N, C-alpha and C. Protein backbone atom coordinates (compact mmCIF):
# COMPACT_ATOMS: atom_id res chain seq x y z
N MET A 1 10.74 11.64 -18.71
CA MET A 1 10.27 11.51 -17.35
C MET A 1 9.59 12.80 -16.93
N LYS A 2 8.33 12.89 -17.25
CA LYS A 2 7.55 14.08 -16.94
C LYS A 2 6.38 13.69 -16.06
N TYR A 3 6.19 14.45 -15.00
CA TYR A 3 5.12 14.19 -14.03
C TYR A 3 4.33 15.47 -13.82
N GLN A 4 3.04 15.33 -13.61
CA GLN A 4 2.20 16.48 -13.32
C GLN A 4 1.17 16.09 -12.27
N GLY A 5 0.99 16.94 -11.27
CA GLY A 5 0.03 16.63 -10.24
C GLY A 5 -0.21 17.78 -9.29
N THR A 6 -1.09 17.54 -8.36
CA THR A 6 -1.43 18.50 -7.33
C THR A 6 -0.49 18.30 -6.14
N VAL A 7 -0.09 19.39 -5.53
CA VAL A 7 0.90 19.35 -4.47
C VAL A 7 0.28 19.09 -3.09
N ILE A 8 0.90 18.16 -2.40
CA ILE A 8 0.67 17.94 -0.97
C ILE A 8 1.98 18.34 -0.31
N ARG A 9 1.92 19.26 0.64
CA ARG A 9 3.14 19.90 1.16
C ARG A 9 3.38 19.57 2.64
N TYR A 10 4.68 19.41 2.95
CA TYR A 10 5.13 19.20 4.33
C TYR A 10 6.35 20.08 4.60
N GLY A 11 6.72 20.17 5.85
CA GLY A 11 7.81 21.04 6.27
C GLY A 11 9.16 20.35 6.33
N ASP A 12 9.99 20.82 7.25
CA ASP A 12 11.35 20.32 7.42
C ASP A 12 11.36 19.07 8.30
N ASN A 13 12.42 18.29 8.15
CA ASN A 13 12.74 17.16 9.02
C ASN A 13 11.62 16.14 9.15
N VAL A 14 10.99 15.82 8.04
CA VAL A 14 9.97 14.77 8.04
C VAL A 14 10.73 13.45 8.06
N ASP A 15 10.63 12.74 9.18
CA ASP A 15 11.43 11.53 9.32
C ASP A 15 10.65 10.28 8.92
N THR A 16 11.41 9.21 8.72
CA THR A 16 10.81 7.97 8.25
C THR A 16 9.81 7.39 9.25
N ASP A 17 9.94 7.74 10.51
CA ASP A 17 9.00 7.25 11.53
C ASP A 17 7.60 7.85 11.36
N VAL A 18 7.50 9.04 10.76
CA VAL A 18 6.17 9.58 10.49
C VAL A 18 5.72 9.28 9.07
N ILE A 19 6.67 9.02 8.18
CA ILE A 19 6.27 8.61 6.84
C ILE A 19 5.56 7.26 6.91
N ILE A 20 6.18 6.31 7.63
CA ILE A 20 5.52 5.03 7.90
C ILE A 20 5.90 4.61 9.32
N PRO A 21 4.97 4.73 10.25
CA PRO A 21 5.26 4.40 11.65
C PRO A 21 5.75 2.97 11.83
N ALA A 22 6.64 2.79 12.80
CA ALA A 22 7.29 1.50 13.04
C ALA A 22 6.29 0.38 13.29
N ARG A 23 5.12 0.70 13.83
CA ARG A 23 4.15 -0.36 14.13
C ARG A 23 3.63 -1.07 12.88
N TYR A 24 3.90 -0.51 11.69
CA TYR A 24 3.45 -1.12 10.44
C TYR A 24 4.58 -1.80 9.66
N LEU A 25 5.73 -1.92 10.28
CA LEU A 25 6.88 -2.48 9.57
C LEU A 25 6.89 -4.01 9.53
N ASN A 26 5.82 -4.62 9.99
CA ASN A 26 5.73 -6.07 9.95
C ASN A 26 5.25 -6.57 8.60
N THR A 27 5.13 -5.67 7.62
CA THR A 27 4.74 -6.06 6.27
C THR A 27 5.63 -5.34 5.26
N GLY A 28 5.80 -5.95 4.14
CA GLY A 28 6.48 -5.32 3.03
C GLY A 28 5.51 -5.04 1.89
N ASP A 29 4.23 -5.32 2.12
CA ASP A 29 3.21 -5.14 1.10
C ASP A 29 3.00 -3.64 0.83
N PRO A 30 3.30 -3.18 -0.39
CA PRO A 30 3.17 -1.75 -0.68
C PRO A 30 1.79 -1.17 -0.40
N ALA A 31 0.73 -1.90 -0.71
CA ALA A 31 -0.63 -1.38 -0.47
C ALA A 31 -0.91 -1.21 1.02
N ALA A 32 -0.44 -2.16 1.81
CA ALA A 32 -0.64 -2.06 3.26
C ALA A 32 0.16 -0.89 3.83
N LEU A 33 1.37 -0.69 3.33
CA LEU A 33 2.18 0.45 3.79
C LEU A 33 1.53 1.77 3.37
N ALA A 34 1.03 1.83 2.15
CA ALA A 34 0.38 3.06 1.66
C ALA A 34 -0.83 3.44 2.50
N ALA A 35 -1.53 2.44 3.01
CA ALA A 35 -2.72 2.71 3.82
C ALA A 35 -2.40 3.44 5.12
N HIS A 36 -1.12 3.45 5.52
CA HIS A 36 -0.73 4.11 6.76
C HIS A 36 0.31 5.20 6.54
N CYS A 37 0.57 5.54 5.28
CA CYS A 37 1.57 6.55 4.95
C CYS A 37 1.19 7.89 5.57
N MET A 38 2.12 8.50 6.23
CA MET A 38 2.02 9.84 6.84
C MET A 38 1.00 9.91 7.98
N GLU A 39 0.46 8.81 8.44
CA GLU A 39 -0.67 8.85 9.35
C GLU A 39 -0.38 9.56 10.67
N ASP A 40 0.84 9.48 11.19
CA ASP A 40 1.13 10.15 12.46
C ASP A 40 1.40 11.64 12.28
N LEU A 41 1.67 12.08 11.07
CA LEU A 41 1.91 13.50 10.78
C LEU A 41 0.67 14.16 10.20
N ASP A 42 -0.05 13.42 9.35
CA ASP A 42 -1.18 13.97 8.60
C ASP A 42 -2.20 12.86 8.39
N SER A 43 -3.13 12.76 9.31
CA SER A 43 -4.10 11.65 9.24
C SER A 43 -5.01 11.74 8.02
N SER A 44 -5.08 12.89 7.37
CA SER A 44 -5.93 13.02 6.18
C SER A 44 -5.22 12.64 4.89
N PHE A 45 -3.91 12.40 4.95
CA PHE A 45 -3.13 12.14 3.74
C PHE A 45 -3.73 11.02 2.90
N VAL A 46 -3.99 9.87 3.51
CA VAL A 46 -4.44 8.71 2.74
C VAL A 46 -5.81 8.91 2.11
N THR A 47 -6.62 9.80 2.64
CA THR A 47 -7.94 10.03 2.06
C THR A 47 -7.92 11.10 0.98
N ARG A 48 -6.87 11.92 0.95
CA ARG A 48 -6.86 12.98 -0.06
C ARG A 48 -5.81 12.81 -1.15
N VAL A 49 -4.83 11.93 -0.95
CA VAL A 49 -3.83 11.72 -1.99
C VAL A 49 -4.48 11.04 -3.19
N LYS A 50 -4.11 11.51 -4.37
CA LYS A 50 -4.61 10.95 -5.63
C LYS A 50 -3.42 10.49 -6.46
N PRO A 51 -3.61 9.47 -7.29
CA PRO A 51 -2.51 9.02 -8.16
C PRO A 51 -1.96 10.19 -8.98
N GLY A 52 -0.65 10.33 -8.95
CA GLY A 52 0.01 11.40 -9.70
C GLY A 52 0.31 12.64 -8.87
N ASP A 53 -0.24 12.74 -7.66
CA ASP A 53 0.05 13.90 -6.82
C ASP A 53 1.55 14.02 -6.59
N ILE A 54 1.97 15.23 -6.26
CA ILE A 54 3.38 15.53 -6.04
C ILE A 54 3.55 15.98 -4.59
N MET A 55 4.52 15.38 -3.91
CA MET A 55 4.82 15.77 -2.54
C MET A 55 5.96 16.78 -2.57
N VAL A 56 5.79 17.86 -1.82
CA VAL A 56 6.82 18.89 -1.70
C VAL A 56 7.13 19.06 -0.22
N ALA A 57 8.41 19.19 0.10
CA ALA A 57 8.80 19.29 1.50
C ALA A 57 10.00 20.21 1.65
N GLY A 58 10.32 20.50 2.90
CA GLY A 58 11.44 21.37 3.22
C GLY A 58 12.76 20.61 3.26
N GLN A 59 13.55 20.94 4.27
CA GLN A 59 14.89 20.37 4.40
C GLN A 59 14.87 19.02 5.10
N ASN A 60 15.85 18.18 4.73
CA ASN A 60 16.13 16.93 5.42
C ASN A 60 14.97 15.94 5.38
N PHE A 61 14.27 15.88 4.27
CA PHE A 61 13.15 14.95 4.13
C PHE A 61 13.68 13.52 4.18
N GLY A 62 13.00 12.65 4.93
CA GLY A 62 13.38 11.25 5.02
C GLY A 62 14.48 10.96 6.01
N CYS A 63 14.69 11.88 6.95
CA CYS A 63 15.71 11.63 7.98
C CYS A 63 15.24 10.50 8.90
N GLY A 64 16.11 10.05 9.75
CA GLY A 64 15.75 8.97 10.68
C GLY A 64 16.30 7.65 10.21
N SER A 65 15.58 6.59 10.46
CA SER A 65 16.08 5.25 10.15
C SER A 65 16.17 5.04 8.64
N SER A 66 16.89 4.01 8.27
CA SER A 66 17.18 3.79 6.84
C SER A 66 16.18 2.86 6.17
N ARG A 67 15.02 2.66 6.76
CA ARG A 67 14.07 1.68 6.23
C ARG A 67 13.58 2.03 4.82
N GLU A 68 13.56 1.03 3.95
CA GLU A 68 13.02 1.20 2.60
C GLU A 68 11.51 1.32 2.61
N HIS A 69 10.88 0.95 3.70
CA HIS A 69 9.42 1.01 3.79
C HIS A 69 8.90 2.43 3.53
N ALA A 70 9.66 3.46 3.92
CA ALA A 70 9.18 4.84 3.79
C ALA A 70 8.98 5.24 2.32
N PRO A 71 9.98 5.12 1.46
CA PRO A 71 9.71 5.47 0.06
C PRO A 71 8.72 4.53 -0.62
N ILE A 72 8.69 3.27 -0.19
CA ILE A 72 7.70 2.34 -0.75
C ILE A 72 6.29 2.82 -0.43
N ALA A 73 6.07 3.25 0.82
CA ALA A 73 4.74 3.74 1.23
C ALA A 73 4.34 4.97 0.43
N ILE A 74 5.28 5.88 0.23
CA ILE A 74 4.99 7.10 -0.53
C ILE A 74 4.63 6.76 -1.98
N LYS A 75 5.46 5.94 -2.60
CA LYS A 75 5.21 5.56 -3.99
C LYS A 75 3.88 4.82 -4.14
N ALA A 76 3.63 3.87 -3.25
CA ALA A 76 2.40 3.08 -3.33
C ALA A 76 1.15 3.91 -3.04
N SER A 77 1.31 5.02 -2.34
CA SER A 77 0.16 5.89 -2.06
C SER A 77 -0.32 6.63 -3.30
N GLY A 78 0.53 6.69 -4.32
CA GLY A 78 0.16 7.38 -5.55
C GLY A 78 1.00 8.60 -5.86
N ILE A 79 1.86 8.99 -4.94
CA ILE A 79 2.74 10.14 -5.17
C ILE A 79 3.66 9.81 -6.35
N SER A 80 3.72 10.72 -7.31
CA SER A 80 4.53 10.46 -8.51
C SER A 80 5.96 10.93 -8.37
N VAL A 81 6.20 11.97 -7.59
CA VAL A 81 7.54 12.54 -7.40
C VAL A 81 7.54 13.33 -6.11
N VAL A 82 8.70 13.35 -5.45
CA VAL A 82 8.88 14.16 -4.25
C VAL A 82 9.92 15.22 -4.56
N ILE A 83 9.57 16.48 -4.29
CA ILE A 83 10.47 17.62 -4.45
C ILE A 83 10.73 18.17 -3.06
N ALA A 84 12.00 18.35 -2.70
CA ALA A 84 12.32 18.88 -1.38
C ALA A 84 13.54 19.79 -1.47
N GLU A 85 13.71 20.59 -0.42
CA GLU A 85 14.92 21.41 -0.34
C GLU A 85 16.15 20.51 -0.23
N SER A 86 16.03 19.45 0.58
CA SER A 86 17.11 18.46 0.71
C SER A 86 16.54 17.17 1.27
N PHE A 87 17.26 16.08 1.03
CA PHE A 87 16.86 14.75 1.49
C PHE A 87 17.96 14.16 2.35
N ALA A 88 17.57 13.33 3.31
CA ALA A 88 18.55 12.51 4.00
C ALA A 88 19.15 11.58 2.95
N ARG A 89 20.45 11.39 2.99
CA ARG A 89 21.14 10.64 1.93
C ARG A 89 20.63 9.21 1.78
N ILE A 90 20.42 8.49 2.88
CA ILE A 90 19.97 7.10 2.75
C ILE A 90 18.56 7.05 2.17
N PHE A 91 17.71 8.00 2.53
CA PHE A 91 16.37 8.04 1.97
C PHE A 91 16.46 8.29 0.47
N TYR A 92 17.33 9.19 0.05
CA TYR A 92 17.50 9.49 -1.37
C TYR A 92 17.84 8.22 -2.14
N ARG A 93 18.81 7.47 -1.63
CA ARG A 93 19.23 6.25 -2.33
C ARG A 93 18.14 5.20 -2.30
N ASN A 94 17.46 5.04 -1.16
CA ASN A 94 16.37 4.07 -1.07
C ASN A 94 15.25 4.42 -2.05
N ALA A 95 14.95 5.70 -2.19
CA ALA A 95 13.90 6.13 -3.11
C ALA A 95 14.26 5.75 -4.55
N ILE A 96 15.46 6.03 -4.96
CA ILE A 96 15.90 5.67 -6.31
C ILE A 96 15.85 4.15 -6.47
N ASN A 97 16.33 3.43 -5.46
CA ASN A 97 16.36 1.96 -5.54
C ASN A 97 14.99 1.35 -5.74
N ILE A 98 13.92 1.98 -5.22
CA ILE A 98 12.58 1.42 -5.39
C ILE A 98 11.81 2.11 -6.52
N GLY A 99 12.47 3.06 -7.21
CA GLY A 99 11.85 3.69 -8.36
C GLY A 99 10.96 4.88 -8.05
N LEU A 100 11.18 5.54 -6.91
CA LEU A 100 10.44 6.76 -6.57
C LEU A 100 11.28 7.96 -6.98
N PRO A 101 10.83 8.74 -7.96
CA PRO A 101 11.59 9.92 -8.36
C PRO A 101 11.59 10.98 -7.26
N ILE A 102 12.77 11.49 -6.95
CA ILE A 102 12.90 12.56 -5.96
C ILE A 102 13.87 13.60 -6.49
N VAL A 103 13.58 14.86 -6.18
CA VAL A 103 14.36 15.96 -6.72
C VAL A 103 14.69 16.97 -5.63
N GLU A 104 15.97 17.28 -5.49
CA GLU A 104 16.37 18.36 -4.60
C GLU A 104 16.36 19.66 -5.40
N CYS A 105 15.49 20.57 -5.01
CA CYS A 105 15.42 21.88 -5.64
C CYS A 105 14.92 22.88 -4.60
N PRO A 106 15.85 23.47 -3.83
CA PRO A 106 15.44 24.37 -2.75
C PRO A 106 14.52 25.51 -3.20
N ALA A 107 14.82 26.12 -4.33
CA ALA A 107 14.00 27.25 -4.78
C ALA A 107 12.56 26.82 -5.06
N ALA A 108 12.40 25.70 -5.74
CA ALA A 108 11.05 25.20 -6.05
C ALA A 108 10.33 24.80 -4.77
N ALA A 109 11.03 24.08 -3.89
CA ALA A 109 10.40 23.60 -2.66
C ALA A 109 9.91 24.76 -1.79
N LYS A 110 10.65 25.85 -1.79
CA LYS A 110 10.25 27.02 -0.99
C LYS A 110 9.08 27.77 -1.63
N ALA A 111 9.00 27.77 -2.95
CA ALA A 111 8.02 28.59 -3.66
C ALA A 111 6.69 27.90 -3.93
N ILE A 112 6.66 26.59 -3.88
CA ILE A 112 5.46 25.84 -4.24
C ILE A 112 4.57 25.68 -3.01
N SER A 113 3.29 25.90 -3.19
CA SER A 113 2.32 25.81 -2.09
C SER A 113 1.44 24.57 -2.23
N ALA A 114 0.87 24.16 -1.12
CA ALA A 114 -0.10 23.06 -1.13
C ALA A 114 -1.24 23.42 -2.07
N GLY A 115 -1.65 22.46 -2.88
CA GLY A 115 -2.75 22.67 -3.81
C GLY A 115 -2.34 23.18 -5.18
N ASP A 116 -1.10 23.64 -5.32
CA ASP A 116 -0.62 24.08 -6.64
C ASP A 116 -0.56 22.88 -7.57
N THR A 117 -0.66 23.15 -8.86
CA THR A 117 -0.43 22.12 -9.87
C THR A 117 0.98 22.31 -10.39
N VAL A 118 1.76 21.24 -10.36
CA VAL A 118 3.18 21.30 -10.70
C VAL A 118 3.49 20.26 -11.77
N GLU A 119 4.38 20.63 -12.66
CA GLU A 119 4.92 19.70 -13.66
C GLU A 119 6.42 19.59 -13.42
N ALA A 120 6.91 18.37 -13.32
CA ALA A 120 8.33 18.13 -13.13
C ALA A 120 8.83 17.31 -14.32
N ASP A 121 9.70 17.90 -15.10
CA ASP A 121 10.33 17.22 -16.22
C ASP A 121 11.75 16.85 -15.78
N LEU A 122 11.91 15.65 -15.29
CA LEU A 122 13.18 15.25 -14.68
C LEU A 122 14.26 14.96 -15.71
N GLY A 123 13.85 14.63 -16.91
CA GLY A 123 14.82 14.44 -17.98
C GLY A 123 15.45 15.75 -18.41
N ALA A 124 14.64 16.81 -18.43
CA ALA A 124 15.11 18.13 -18.84
C ALA A 124 15.64 18.95 -17.66
N GLY A 125 15.28 18.55 -16.43
CA GLY A 125 15.71 19.31 -15.26
C GLY A 125 14.92 20.60 -15.07
N VAL A 126 13.60 20.53 -15.30
CA VAL A 126 12.74 21.71 -15.17
C VAL A 126 11.53 21.37 -14.31
N ILE A 127 11.24 22.24 -13.35
CA ILE A 127 10.04 22.15 -12.54
C ILE A 127 9.22 23.40 -12.81
N ARG A 128 7.96 23.20 -13.19
CA ARG A 128 7.08 24.32 -13.48
C ARG A 128 5.90 24.31 -12.53
N ASN A 129 5.66 25.46 -11.91
CA ASN A 129 4.45 25.61 -11.11
C ASN A 129 3.40 26.15 -12.06
N LEU A 130 2.50 25.30 -12.50
CA LEU A 130 1.49 25.69 -13.48
C LEU A 130 0.45 26.64 -12.88
N THR A 131 0.36 26.67 -11.55
CA THR A 131 -0.57 27.56 -10.88
C THR A 131 -0.06 29.00 -10.91
N THR A 132 1.24 29.19 -10.66
CA THR A 132 1.81 30.54 -10.58
C THR A 132 2.60 30.95 -11.82
N GLY A 133 2.98 29.97 -12.63
CA GLY A 133 3.80 30.27 -13.81
C GLY A 133 5.30 30.25 -13.53
N ALA A 134 5.69 30.06 -12.28
CA ALA A 134 7.12 30.03 -11.93
C ALA A 134 7.78 28.78 -12.50
N GLU A 135 9.05 28.93 -12.86
CA GLU A 135 9.82 27.82 -13.42
C GLU A 135 11.16 27.74 -12.70
N PHE A 136 11.60 26.51 -12.43
CA PHE A 136 12.82 26.29 -11.67
C PHE A 136 13.68 25.26 -12.38
N GLY A 137 14.98 25.52 -12.41
CA GLY A 137 15.91 24.58 -13.00
C GLY A 137 16.50 23.67 -11.94
N THR A 138 16.75 22.44 -12.31
CA THR A 138 17.38 21.48 -11.42
C THR A 138 18.23 20.55 -12.28
N ALA A 139 19.16 19.88 -11.65
CA ALA A 139 20.00 18.95 -12.41
C ALA A 139 19.14 17.79 -12.90
N PRO A 140 19.18 17.51 -14.21
CA PRO A 140 18.42 16.35 -14.70
C PRO A 140 19.05 15.06 -14.18
N PHE A 141 18.21 14.03 -14.04
CA PHE A 141 18.75 12.73 -13.64
C PHE A 141 19.68 12.21 -14.72
N PRO A 142 20.80 11.60 -14.34
CA PRO A 142 21.64 10.94 -15.33
C PRO A 142 20.87 9.79 -15.97
N PRO A 143 21.23 9.39 -17.18
CA PRO A 143 20.50 8.33 -17.87
C PRO A 143 20.34 7.04 -17.07
N PHE A 144 21.36 6.62 -16.32
CA PHE A 144 21.23 5.36 -15.58
C PHE A 144 20.21 5.47 -14.45
N ILE A 145 20.08 6.64 -13.84
CA ILE A 145 19.05 6.84 -12.81
C ILE A 145 17.67 6.84 -13.47
N GLN A 146 17.56 7.49 -14.62
CA GLN A 146 16.30 7.48 -15.35
C GLN A 146 15.89 6.05 -15.68
N GLN A 147 16.84 5.22 -16.09
CA GLN A 147 16.55 3.82 -16.41
C GLN A 147 16.05 3.06 -15.18
N ILE A 148 16.65 3.31 -14.03
CA ILE A 148 16.21 2.64 -12.80
C ILE A 148 14.78 3.03 -12.47
N ILE A 149 14.49 4.32 -12.52
CA ILE A 149 13.14 4.80 -12.19
C ILE A 149 12.12 4.28 -13.19
N GLU A 150 12.44 4.37 -14.48
CA GLU A 150 11.50 3.90 -15.51
C GLU A 150 11.22 2.40 -15.40
N ALA A 151 12.20 1.64 -14.91
CA ALA A 151 12.01 0.19 -14.76
C ALA A 151 11.21 -0.15 -13.50
N GLY A 152 11.03 0.82 -12.61
CA GLY A 152 10.30 0.57 -11.36
C GLY A 152 11.20 0.27 -10.18
N GLY A 153 12.49 0.52 -10.34
CA GLY A 153 13.43 0.31 -9.25
C GLY A 153 14.66 -0.44 -9.72
N LEU A 154 15.64 -0.51 -8.85
CA LEU A 154 16.93 -1.13 -9.19
C LEU A 154 16.80 -2.62 -9.50
N VAL A 155 16.07 -3.34 -8.68
CA VAL A 155 15.92 -4.79 -8.92
C VAL A 155 15.25 -5.04 -10.26
N GLU A 156 14.19 -4.30 -10.54
CA GLU A 156 13.50 -4.49 -11.83
C GLU A 156 14.37 -4.08 -13.00
N ALA A 157 15.18 -3.04 -12.83
CA ALA A 157 16.08 -2.61 -13.90
C ALA A 157 17.12 -3.69 -14.20
N ILE A 158 17.62 -4.34 -13.17
CA ILE A 158 18.59 -5.41 -13.37
C ILE A 158 17.93 -6.61 -14.02
N LYS A 159 16.74 -6.99 -13.52
CA LYS A 159 16.01 -8.13 -14.10
C LYS A 159 15.72 -7.92 -15.58
N SER A 160 15.38 -6.69 -15.94
CA SER A 160 15.00 -6.40 -17.33
C SER A 160 16.21 -6.24 -18.24
N GLY A 161 17.40 -6.20 -17.65
CA GLY A 161 18.61 -6.02 -18.44
C GLY A 161 18.88 -4.58 -18.84
N LYS A 162 18.10 -3.63 -18.28
CA LYS A 162 18.31 -2.21 -18.63
C LYS A 162 19.62 -1.68 -18.07
N ILE A 163 20.05 -2.23 -16.94
CA ILE A 163 21.36 -1.91 -16.41
C ILE A 163 22.00 -3.22 -15.98
N GLY A 164 23.29 -3.25 -15.91
CA GLY A 164 23.93 -4.52 -15.60
C GLY A 164 24.88 -4.50 -14.51
């Protein structure tokens, strides 16, 4: 589970209401959600995000309501992994459930800047800032979490028989 991309950065307490505003919750279509991802916080996000980009944020990312729409919008926008100092617990679980890799690594989240190129090896538990050369250790995902993410989420992992 290795990802590499350009960083799009946000601060602390990014809540689910700005990740995907409530006015768009009348759909579960990932593409429709992605079209409005981050729009109330960063109106340029949808025009500059590229497949494989990496989102980096501060503390308490994904706070607020427990809607699964938020990680779905992020994943569907093309973000390959989210690295933050910390995540709201329900957002963390929702992200894993829909197959969006997320990593808590305070040191990396503080040191990585917007526009940096970052590689995250989640199987090995290593985050490398290829722009600065800095390297950060993090707990690797347990095998069952890796299986969920690789399958595209919990439902797909169960359907495929990868977990039971």
